[in-house]
Amino acid sequence: MSLPAAETPLYNHPLPEIEQWLSVKGCEQDRSERHCWHIQHPDWKAELCLDVDQLTVRYKQPNESDYSIQRSFKYSLSRQDIEDAVFAGP
């Protein structure tokens, strides 16, 4: 399965391709909340949730217990724009 061009809005990606993209980026799907994914970097952790009309990302520092920064990205943004913003960290 290949992804559409990176400039393609995320709403034009089928769900299995979005899930593949998140997996390739190092995210792991939550077992109980299947619409949420988790990723961990040395300096931060994040929870990504595929909501109805946007991707919501909640960041926290590795030593913090609560998420401290939340950002939302509309699916009308390109996959590349979302990728650049989300995976750059908080």
N, C-alpha and C. Protein backbone atom coordinates (compact mmCIF):
# COMPACT_ATOMS: atom_id res chain seq x y z
N MET A 1 0.85 -1.17 0.00
CA MET A 1 0.00 0.00 0.00
C MET A 1 0.90 1.24 0.00
N SER A 2 0.71 2.12 -0.98
CA SER A 2 1.54 3.32 -1.04
C SER A 2 0.71 4.53 -0.66
N LEU A 3 1.38 5.49 -0.06
CA LEU A 3 0.71 6.70 0.38
C LEU A 3 0.53 7.67 -0.78
N PRO A 4 -0.54 8.48 -0.75
CA PRO A 4 -0.66 9.56 -1.73
C PRO A 4 0.52 10.53 -1.57
N ALA A 5 0.68 11.42 -2.52
CA ALA A 5 1.76 12.41 -2.44
C ALA A 5 1.69 13.16 -1.11
N ALA A 6 2.85 13.55 -0.60
CA ALA A 6 2.93 14.22 0.70
C ALA A 6 2.15 15.53 0.74
N GLU A 7 1.93 16.15 -0.42
CA GLU A 7 1.20 17.42 -0.49
C GLU A 7 -0.31 17.22 -0.45
N THR A 8 -0.76 15.98 -0.46
CA THR A 8 -2.18 15.66 -0.47
C THR A 8 -2.78 15.92 0.91
N PRO A 9 -3.95 16.59 0.97
CA PRO A 9 -4.59 16.79 2.28
C PRO A 9 -4.86 15.44 2.95
N LEU A 10 -4.76 15.44 4.26
CA LEU A 10 -4.92 14.19 5.00
C LEU A 10 -6.32 13.60 4.79
N TYR A 11 -7.34 14.45 4.55
CA TYR A 11 -8.69 13.91 4.36
C TYR A 11 -8.81 13.10 3.07
N ASN A 12 -7.83 13.16 2.19
CA ASN A 12 -7.84 12.35 0.96
C ASN A 12 -7.06 11.05 1.11
N HIS A 13 -6.63 10.73 2.32
CA HIS A 13 -5.92 9.48 2.60
C HIS A 13 -6.91 8.48 3.21
N PRO A 14 -7.00 7.27 2.69
CA PRO A 14 -7.81 6.24 3.34
C PRO A 14 -7.24 5.93 4.73
N LEU A 15 -8.11 5.56 5.65
CA LEU A 15 -7.69 5.29 7.03
C LEU A 15 -6.54 4.28 7.12
N PRO A 16 -6.58 3.16 6.38
CA PRO A 16 -5.44 2.22 6.48
C PRO A 16 -4.11 2.87 6.10
N GLU A 17 -4.13 3.82 5.18
CA GLU A 17 -2.90 4.49 4.78
C GLU A 17 -2.43 5.47 5.85
N ILE A 18 -3.37 6.12 6.53
CA ILE A 18 -3.00 7.00 7.66
C ILE A 18 -2.38 6.16 8.77
N GLU A 19 -2.98 5.00 9.04
CA GLU A 19 -2.44 4.12 10.08
C GLU A 19 -1.05 3.62 9.69
N GLN A 20 -0.85 3.29 8.43
CA GLN A 20 0.47 2.86 7.95
C GLN A 20 1.49 3.99 8.13
N TRP A 21 1.11 5.19 7.77
CA TRP A 21 1.98 6.36 7.91
C TRP A 21 2.39 6.56 9.37
N LEU A 22 1.43 6.47 10.28
CA LEU A 22 1.75 6.63 11.70
C LEU A 22 2.70 5.53 12.18
N SER A 23 2.47 4.32 11.73
CA SER A 23 3.37 3.21 12.10
C SER A 23 4.79 3.45 11.59
N VAL A 24 4.91 3.88 10.35
CA VAL A 24 6.22 4.15 9.77
C VAL A 24 6.94 5.27 10.54
N LYS A 25 6.18 6.22 11.05
CA LYS A 25 6.76 7.33 11.81
C LYS A 25 7.12 6.93 13.25
N GLY A 26 6.86 5.67 13.61
CA GLY A 26 7.24 5.19 14.94
C GLY A 26 6.14 5.21 15.98
N CYS A 27 4.92 5.46 15.56
CA CYS A 27 3.79 5.49 16.49
C CYS A 27 3.26 4.08 16.73
N GLU A 28 2.70 3.88 17.93
CA GLU A 28 2.07 2.61 18.27
C GLU A 28 0.61 2.87 18.60
N GLN A 29 -0.26 2.04 18.02
CA GLN A 29 -1.69 2.20 18.23
C GLN A 29 -2.07 1.77 19.64
N ASP A 30 -2.94 2.57 20.28
CA ASP A 30 -3.45 2.25 21.61
C ASP A 30 -4.37 1.04 21.48
N ARG A 31 -4.23 0.09 22.37
CA ARG A 31 -5.03 -1.15 22.27
C ARG A 31 -6.48 -0.97 22.69
N SER A 32 -6.76 -0.02 23.58
CA SER A 32 -8.13 0.16 24.03
C SER A 32 -8.84 1.31 23.30
N GLU A 33 -8.11 2.35 22.94
CA GLU A 33 -8.67 3.46 22.18
C GLU A 33 -8.01 3.44 20.80
N ARG A 34 -8.63 2.71 19.88
CA ARG A 34 -8.01 2.41 18.59
C ARG A 34 -7.78 3.65 17.72
N HIS A 35 -8.44 4.75 18.03
CA HIS A 35 -8.25 5.97 17.25
C HIS A 35 -7.05 6.79 17.75
N CYS A 36 -6.40 6.33 18.82
CA CYS A 36 -5.26 7.04 19.40
C CYS A 36 -3.96 6.27 19.19
N TRP A 37 -2.89 7.01 19.06
CA TRP A 37 -1.56 6.47 18.82
C TRP A 37 -0.59 7.14 19.78
N HIS A 38 0.51 6.47 20.09
CA HIS A 38 1.51 7.01 21.01
C HIS A 38 2.88 6.97 20.34
N ILE A 39 3.68 7.98 20.64
CA ILE A 39 5.06 8.01 20.17
C ILE A 39 5.94 8.57 21.28
N GLN A 40 7.16 8.08 21.34
CA GLN A 40 8.09 8.54 22.36
C GLN A 40 9.42 8.91 21.71
N HIS A 41 9.87 10.11 22.01
CA HIS A 41 11.19 10.60 21.59
C HIS A 41 12.00 10.81 22.86
N PRO A 42 13.30 10.98 22.75
CA PRO A 42 14.11 11.19 23.96
C PRO A 42 13.67 12.40 24.79
N ASP A 43 13.19 13.46 24.13
CA ASP A 43 12.84 14.70 24.83
C ASP A 43 11.35 14.89 25.08
N TRP A 44 10.50 14.09 24.49
CA TRP A 44 9.06 14.26 24.66
C TRP A 44 8.32 12.98 24.29
N LYS A 45 7.07 12.92 24.75
CA LYS A 45 6.13 11.86 24.39
C LYS A 45 4.89 12.54 23.84
N ALA A 46 4.12 11.81 23.05
CA ALA A 46 2.90 12.40 22.52
C ALA A 46 1.84 11.33 22.33
N GLU A 47 0.60 11.77 22.45
CA GLU A 47 -0.57 10.97 22.12
C GLU A 47 -1.23 11.65 20.93
N LEU A 48 -1.45 10.92 19.86
CA LEU A 48 -2.10 11.44 18.66
C LEU A 48 -3.46 10.76 18.54
N CYS A 49 -4.52 11.55 18.42
CA CYS A 49 -5.86 10.98 18.30
C CYS A 49 -6.51 11.44 17.00
N LEU A 50 -7.01 10.48 16.25
CA LEU A 50 -7.70 10.74 15.00
C LEU A 50 -9.16 11.04 15.32
N ASP A 51 -9.47 12.32 15.50
CA ASP A 51 -10.82 12.74 15.82
C ASP A 51 -11.63 12.89 14.53
N VAL A 52 -12.89 13.28 14.65
CA VAL A 52 -13.78 13.34 13.49
C VAL A 52 -13.26 14.29 12.42
N ASP A 53 -12.83 15.49 12.80
CA ASP A 53 -12.43 16.48 11.81
C ASP A 53 -11.00 17.00 11.95
N GLN A 54 -10.24 16.40 12.86
CA GLN A 54 -8.87 16.87 13.08
C GLN A 54 -8.03 15.82 13.78
N LEU A 55 -6.73 16.00 13.68
CA LEU A 55 -5.76 15.19 14.41
C LEU A 55 -5.37 16.00 15.64
N THR A 56 -5.60 15.45 16.82
CA THR A 56 -5.26 16.13 18.07
C THR A 56 -4.02 15.48 18.65
N VAL A 57 -3.04 16.32 19.00
CA VAL A 57 -1.77 15.84 19.54
C VAL A 57 -1.58 16.45 20.92
N ARG A 58 -1.31 15.58 21.89
CA ARG A 58 -1.03 16.04 23.25
C ARG A 58 0.39 15.62 23.60
N TYR A 59 1.22 16.61 23.94
CA TYR A 59 2.63 16.37 24.25
C TYR A 59 2.87 16.43 25.75
N LYS A 60 3.88 15.69 26.19
CA LYS A 60 4.37 15.85 27.56
C LYS A 60 5.85 15.54 27.58
N GLN A 61 6.53 16.08 28.56
CA GLN A 61 7.95 15.79 28.76
C GLN A 61 8.05 14.41 29.40
N PRO A 62 9.14 13.69 29.20
CA PRO A 62 9.25 12.32 29.72
C PRO A 62 9.03 12.18 31.22
N ASN A 63 9.39 13.19 32.01
CA ASN A 63 9.26 13.09 33.46
C ASN A 63 7.94 13.62 34.00
N GLU A 64 7.08 14.14 33.15
CA GLU A 64 5.80 14.68 33.59
C GLU A 64 4.72 13.60 33.50
N SER A 65 3.76 13.69 34.42
CA SER A 65 2.68 12.70 34.42
C SER A 65 1.49 13.15 33.56
N ASP A 66 1.31 14.44 33.40
CA ASP A 66 0.18 14.96 32.62
C ASP A 66 0.66 15.58 31.32
N TYR A 67 -0.21 15.54 30.33
CA TYR A 67 0.09 16.18 29.06
C TYR A 67 -0.01 17.69 29.26
N SER A 68 0.97 18.42 28.76
CA SER A 68 1.03 19.85 29.03
C SER A 68 0.73 20.73 27.82
N ILE A 69 0.89 20.20 26.62
CA ILE A 69 0.67 20.98 25.41
C ILE A 69 -0.26 20.20 24.49
N GLN A 70 -1.29 20.88 23.98
CA GLN A 70 -2.20 20.22 23.04
C GLN A 70 -2.29 21.06 21.77
N ARG A 71 -2.22 20.38 20.64
CA ARG A 71 -2.36 21.03 19.34
C ARG A 71 -3.32 20.22 18.49
N SER A 72 -4.04 20.92 17.63
CA SER A 72 -4.98 20.25 16.73
C SER A 72 -4.68 20.68 15.30
N PHE A 73 -4.79 19.71 14.39
CA PHE A 73 -4.51 19.95 12.98
C PHE A 73 -5.68 19.44 12.15
N LYS A 74 -6.28 20.32 11.38
CA LYS A 74 -7.40 19.94 10.52
C LYS A 74 -6.92 18.99 9.43
N TYR A 75 -7.77 18.07 9.04
CA TYR A 75 -7.42 17.11 7.99
C TYR A 75 -7.26 17.77 6.62
N SER A 76 -7.64 19.05 6.50
CA SER A 76 -7.46 19.75 5.23
C SER A 76 -6.00 20.13 4.98
N LEU A 77 -5.17 20.06 6.02
CA LEU A 77 -3.73 20.30 5.85
C LEU A 77 -3.10 19.11 5.14
N SER A 78 -2.00 19.36 4.45
CA SER A 78 -1.32 18.26 3.76
C SER A 78 -0.66 17.34 4.78
N ARG A 79 -0.45 16.10 4.36
CA ARG A 79 0.24 15.15 5.24
C ARG A 79 1.63 15.67 5.60
N GLN A 80 2.31 16.30 4.64
CA GLN A 80 3.65 16.82 4.91
C GLN A 80 3.62 17.93 5.95
N ASP A 81 2.66 18.85 5.85
CA ASP A 81 2.55 19.92 6.84
C ASP A 81 2.27 19.37 8.23
N ILE A 82 1.37 18.39 8.31
CA ILE A 82 1.06 17.79 9.60
C ILE A 82 2.27 17.05 10.14
N GLU A 83 2.93 16.30 9.29
CA GLU A 83 4.12 15.55 9.71
C GLU A 83 5.20 16.49 10.23
N ASP A 84 5.46 17.58 9.51
CA ASP A 84 6.48 18.54 9.94
C ASP A 84 6.14 19.15 11.30
N ALA A 85 4.87 19.47 11.51
CA ALA A 85 4.46 20.09 12.77
C ALA A 85 4.43 19.10 13.93
N VAL A 86 3.85 17.95 13.72
CA VAL A 86 3.67 16.98 14.81
C VAL A 86 4.99 16.38 15.26
N PHE A 87 5.79 15.92 14.33
CA PHE A 87 6.99 15.16 14.69
C PHE A 87 8.20 16.04 15.01
N ALA A 88 8.02 17.37 14.92
CA ALA A 88 9.07 18.28 15.39
C ALA A 88 9.02 18.40 16.91
N GLY A 89 7.91 17.97 17.51
CA GLY A 89 7.78 18.04 18.96
C GLY A 89 7.07 19.30 19.41
N PRO A 90 6.95 19.45 20.73
CA PRO A 90 6.19 20.58 21.27
C PRO A 90 6.81 21.95 21.01
